[in-house]
Amino acid sequence: MWAWGGGRGQAKVAEDGYPHSSALLAGIGHGTLEALHCPGTETVCVDLADWEATEQALGGVGPVDLLVNNAAVAFLQPFLEVTKEAYDMSFNVNLRAVIQVSQIVARGLIARGAPGVIVNVSSQASQRGLTNHSVYCSTKGALDILTKVMAVELGPHKIRVNAVNPTVVMTPMGQATWSDPQKAKAMLDRIPLGRFAEMENVVDTILFLLSDHSSMTTGSTVPVDGGFLAT
């Protein structure tokens, strides 16, 4: 999860710290932070699966105007082998933490009477069944509908909420996971543009959704998937 105090010269960052997290350095969150050119970045490290620790760590963070919920974990297991531990950790980080952190930021915005923007980093896996992704697909599907509900309830407070839904992204984690040509081919054959996304493709979309250029866009799930969801 990456949260910014937009226009106030300071950024606040919280990461879940798990090895499969999309919040790893050099990933989407770090790329977004660099693209925003925030000086004086302050890092807040917290286990987002721990509700109490997150509440304590982020209680004093702010003011925050722009929030990108980016942290996620992925435990790839066949459906018949899904474990309670994988289920609990996945939903705690990929969904529950989004609710909690967004509540903290939204309450601060409402208290200040300030407009704001929240972008949730979802996935093409929210809308397609992928082998061994039962829990991951479920968390991202839930995140998409959460995004819409948040948009409905927070819109009257001038807070926009959208999701970005990437295909495989060539971050270090993506490269490690999809380096097998045979595995990659099965996915690439379903992408009309014939390639995976680069980090900049996702970051540019996040920046658009954070900016006033998308001021009439809320409750949307925006694919960055090379056409995967069109097939």
Protein backbone atom coordinates (compact mmCIF):
# COMPACT_ATOMS: atom_id res chain seq x y z
CA MET A 1 0.00 0.00 0.00
CA TRP A 2 1.29 3.40 -0.94
CA ALA A 3 -0.31 6.57 0.38
CA TRP A 4 0.62 10.11 -0.56
CA GLY A 5 -0.09 13.44 1.04
CA GLY A 6 -0.60 15.07 -2.33
CA GLY A 7 0.65 18.62 -2.65
CA ARG A 8 2.14 18.66 0.83
CA GLY A 9 5.69 17.64 0.01
CA GLN A 10 5.69 14.41 1.99
CA ALA A 11 4.84 10.82 1.18
CA LYS A 12 3.87 8.06 3.55
CA VAL A 13 4.44 4.47 2.58
CA ALA A 14 3.24 1.25 4.19
CA GLU A 15 4.29 -2.17 2.92
CA ASP A 16 3.11 -5.60 4.01
CA GLY A 17 6.61 -7.07 3.83
CA TYR A 18 5.66 -10.47 2.45
CA PRO A 19 7.84 -12.09 -0.24
CA HIS A 20 5.03 -12.37 -2.81
CA SER A 21 3.87 -8.80 -2.36
CA SER A 22 3.38 -6.45 -5.29
CA ALA A 23 4.68 -3.72 -2.96
CA LEU A 24 8.25 -4.94 -3.31
CA LEU A 25 10.83 -2.29 -4.16
CA ALA A 26 11.12 -1.78 -7.93
CA GLY A 27 7.51 -2.88 -8.23
CA ILE A 28 4.37 -0.97 -9.18
CA GLY A 29 4.13 0.96 -5.92
CA HIS A 30 7.72 2.12 -6.00
CA GLY A 31 7.37 3.09 -9.66
CA THR A 32 4.28 5.14 -8.88
CA LEU A 33 6.02 6.90 -6.02
CA GLU A 34 8.97 7.78 -8.23
CA ALA A 35 6.65 9.05 -10.97
CA LEU A 36 4.96 11.42 -8.51
CA HIS A 37 8.36 12.93 -7.62
CA CYS A 38 7.53 13.13 -3.92
CA PRO A 39 10.37 14.66 -1.90
CA GLY A 40 11.03 13.69 1.69
CA THR A 41 9.56 10.21 1.46
CA GLU A 42 8.91 8.65 4.85
CA THR A 43 8.52 4.87 5.08
CA VAL A 44 6.10 3.20 7.48
CA CYS A 45 6.63 -0.57 7.64
CA VAL A 46 3.71 -2.59 8.97
CA ASP A 47 2.19 -6.04 8.58
CA LEU A 48 -1.08 -5.18 6.84
CA ALA A 49 -2.48 -8.56 7.84
CA ASP A 50 -2.41 -7.31 11.44
CA TRP A 51 -5.40 -5.01 11.97
CA GLU A 52 -4.25 -3.58 15.30
CA ALA A 53 -0.68 -2.95 14.15
CA THR A 54 -1.92 -1.22 10.99
CA GLU A 55 -4.31 0.96 12.96
CA GLN A 56 -1.51 2.02 15.27
CA ALA A 57 1.07 2.57 12.52
CA LEU A 58 -1.20 4.62 10.27
CA GLY A 59 -3.16 6.44 12.97
CA GLY A 60 -0.81 9.41 12.82
CA VAL A 61 -0.22 9.41 9.07
CA GLY A 62 -1.50 12.33 7.10
CA PRO A 63 -2.92 14.43 5.80
CA VAL A 64 -3.30 12.14 2.78
CA ASP A 65 -5.13 13.19 -0.38
CA LEU A 66 -4.13 10.39 -2.77
CA LEU A 67 -4.07 6.72 -1.87
CA VAL A 68 -2.89 3.74 -3.92
CA ASN A 69 -3.69 0.38 -2.36
CA ASN A 70 -1.02 -1.78 -3.97
CA ALA A 71 0.09 -4.47 -1.50
CA ALA A 72 -0.97 -8.03 -2.24
CA VAL A 73 0.07 -11.61 -1.66
CA ALA A 74 -0.38 -14.55 -4.02
CA PHE A 75 -0.39 -18.15 -2.88
CA LEU A 76 -0.83 -20.34 -5.93
CA GLN A 77 -2.51 -23.62 -5.00
CA PRO A 78 -4.82 -26.04 -6.84
CA PHE A 79 -8.40 -25.60 -5.67
CA LEU A 80 -8.46 -28.96 -3.87
CA GLU A 81 -5.29 -28.04 -1.97
CA VAL A 82 -6.22 -24.52 -0.83
CA THR A 83 -5.23 -24.08 2.80
CA LYS A 84 -6.81 -22.04 5.55
CA GLU A 85 -3.53 -20.18 6.02
CA ALA A 86 -3.37 -19.14 2.37
CA TYR A 87 -7.02 -18.08 2.42
CA ASP A 88 -6.72 -16.04 5.61
CA MET A 89 -3.48 -14.29 4.63
CA SER A 90 -4.71 -13.52 1.12
CA PHE A 91 -7.99 -11.97 2.18
CA ASN A 92 -6.43 -10.15 5.14
CA VAL A 93 -3.84 -8.43 2.93
CA ASN A 94 -5.55 -8.22 -0.46
CA LEU A 95 -8.98 -7.10 0.74
CA ARG A 96 -9.32 -6.39 4.44
CA ALA A 97 -6.25 -4.13 4.50
CA VAL A 98 -7.69 -2.13 1.60
CA ILE A 99 -10.86 -1.56 3.62
CA GLN A 100 -8.94 -0.57 6.73
CA VAL A 101 -6.39 1.75 5.13
CA SER A 102 -9.03 3.35 2.91
CA GLN A 103 -11.21 3.97 5.96
CA ILE A 104 -8.34 5.76 7.70
CA VAL A 105 -7.63 7.95 4.67
CA ALA A 106 -11.28 8.62 3.80
CA ARG A 107 -12.15 9.62 7.35
CA GLY A 108 -9.28 12.09 7.32
CA LEU A 109 -10.43 13.57 4.01
CA ILE A 110 -14.02 13.91 5.21
CA ALA A 111 -12.92 15.50 8.48
CA ARG A 112 -10.94 18.10 6.52
CA GLY A 113 -13.67 18.58 3.93
CA ALA A 114 -11.10 17.80 1.25
CA PRO A 115 -11.56 15.92 -2.03
CA GLY A 116 -9.43 12.84 -2.61
CA VAL A 117 -8.68 9.89 -4.84
CA ILE A 118 -8.21 6.20 -4.07
CA VAL A 119 -6.83 3.73 -6.61
CA ASN A 120 -6.95 0.02 -5.86
CA VAL A 121 -4.49 -2.20 -7.73
CA SER A 122 -6.54 -5.21 -8.80
CA SER A 123 -5.79 -7.69 -11.59
CA GLN A 124 -7.15 -9.27 -14.75
CA ALA A 125 -7.49 -12.30 -12.45
CA SER A 126 -10.54 -10.62 -10.94
CA GLN A 127 -12.53 -11.39 -14.08
CA ARG A 128 -11.08 -14.65 -15.39
CA GLY A 129 -10.56 -18.07 -13.87
CA LEU A 130 -6.87 -18.98 -13.78
CA THR A 131 -5.54 -22.41 -12.82
CA ASN A 132 -4.13 -22.56 -9.27
CA HIS A 133 -5.40 -19.02 -8.56
CA SER A 134 -8.63 -19.84 -6.66
CA VAL A 135 -7.93 -17.61 -3.68
CA TYR A 136 -6.06 -14.88 -5.56
CA CYS A 137 -8.81 -14.55 -8.18
CA SER A 138 -11.38 -14.43 -5.39
CA THR A 139 -9.61 -11.62 -3.54
CA LYS A 140 -9.30 -9.54 -6.70
CA GLY A 141 -12.91 -10.15 -7.71
CA ALA A 142 -13.94 -8.98 -4.26
CA LEU A 143 -11.66 -5.95 -4.62
CA ASP A 144 -13.37 -4.93 -7.87
CA ILE A 145 -16.83 -4.88 -6.31
CA LEU A 146 -15.47 -3.21 -3.17
CA THR A 147 -14.12 -0.46 -5.44
CA LYS A 148 -17.60 0.14 -6.84
CA VAL A 149 -19.25 0.23 -3.40
CA MET A 150 -16.59 2.62 -2.12
CA ALA A 151 -17.19 4.87 -5.13
CA VAL A 152 -20.92 4.94 -4.43
CA GLU A 153 -20.56 5.74 -0.73
CA LEU A 154 -17.58 8.11 -0.91
CA GLY A 155 -18.64 9.99 -4.04
CA PRO A 156 -20.86 12.42 -2.11
CA HIS A 157 -17.75 13.37 -0.13
CA LYS A 158 -15.88 14.18 -3.38
CA ILE A 159 -13.69 11.10 -3.05
CA ARG A 160 -13.20 9.13 -6.27
CA VAL A 161 -12.37 5.42 -6.17
CA ASN A 162 -11.19 3.32 -9.12
CA ALA A 163 -9.27 0.12 -9.75
CA VAL A 164 -6.56 -0.72 -12.24
CA ASN A 165 -6.50 -4.31 -13.54
CA PRO A 166 -3.13 -5.29 -15.04
CA THR A 167 -2.09 -8.44 -16.82
CA VAL A 168 1.27 -9.96 -15.90
CA VAL A 169 3.64 -7.05 -15.24
CA MET A 170 7.37 -7.33 -15.86
CA THR A 171 8.46 -6.28 -12.39
CA PRO A 172 11.24 -8.39 -10.83
CA MET A 173 8.52 -10.58 -9.31
CA GLY A 174 6.75 -10.91 -12.65
CA GLN A 175 9.97 -11.81 -14.42
CA ALA A 176 10.76 -14.49 -11.84
CA THR A 177 7.26 -15.97 -11.97
CA TRP A 178 6.85 -15.94 -15.77
CA SER A 179 10.39 -16.66 -16.96
CA ASP A 180 9.40 -20.17 -18.12
CA PRO A 181 8.73 -19.75 -21.89
CA GLN A 182 6.13 -22.53 -21.93
CA LYS A 183 4.20 -21.04 -19.03
CA ALA A 184 4.48 -17.55 -20.53
CA LYS A 185 3.28 -18.72 -23.95
CA ALA A 186 0.01 -20.04 -22.53
CA MET A 187 -0.77 -16.58 -21.17
CA LEU A 188 0.63 -14.60 -24.09
CA ASP A 189 -1.51 -16.58 -26.52
CA ARG A 190 -4.55 -15.05 -24.78
CA ILE A 191 -3.25 -11.45 -25.08
CA PRO A 192 -4.05 -9.85 -28.46
CA LEU A 193 -1.08 -7.48 -28.23
CA GLY A 194 1.18 -10.48 -27.64
CA ARG A 195 3.18 -9.14 -24.73
CA PHE A 196 3.08 -8.62 -21.00
CA ALA A 197 2.81 -5.17 -19.43
CA GLU A 198 5.79 -3.11 -18.39
CA MET A 199 5.66 -1.38 -15.04
CA GLU A 200 5.31 2.01 -16.75
CA ASN A 201 2.09 0.91 -18.46
CA VAL A 202 0.44 0.36 -15.08
CA VAL A 203 2.01 3.39 -13.41
CA ASP A 204 0.79 5.69 -16.21
CA THR A 205 -2.76 4.43 -15.71
CA ILE A 206 -2.55 4.93 -11.95
CA LEU A 207 -1.29 8.48 -12.47
CA PHE A 208 -4.19 9.18 -14.83
CA LEU A 209 -6.70 7.93 -12.26
CA LEU A 210 -5.06 10.00 -9.52
CA SER A 211 -5.12 13.15 -11.63
CA ASP A 212 -7.82 15.66 -12.49
CA HIS A 213 -7.73 14.32 -16.06
CA SER A 214 -10.02 11.55 -14.77
CA SER A 215 -12.19 13.83 -12.65
CA MET A 216 -15.42 12.29 -14.00
CA THR A 217 -14.25 8.70 -13.52
CA THR A 218 -15.16 6.75 -10.41
CA GLY A 219 -16.25 3.19 -9.69
CA SER A 220 -14.36 1.94 -12.74
CA THR A 221 -12.09 -1.06 -13.23
CA VAL A 222 -9.51 -0.13 -15.86
CA PRO A 223 -7.75 -3.01 -17.67
CA VAL A 224 -4.07 -2.71 -18.54
CA ASP A 225 -4.01 -6.14 -20.11
CA GLY A 226 -3.19 -5.91 -23.80
CA GLY A 227 -6.71 -7.06 -24.59
CA PHE A 228 -6.73 -10.19 -22.40
CA LEU A 229 -10.19 -9.46 -20.99
CA ALA A 230 -11.57 -8.92 -24.50
CA THR A 231 -10.88 -12.54 -25.45
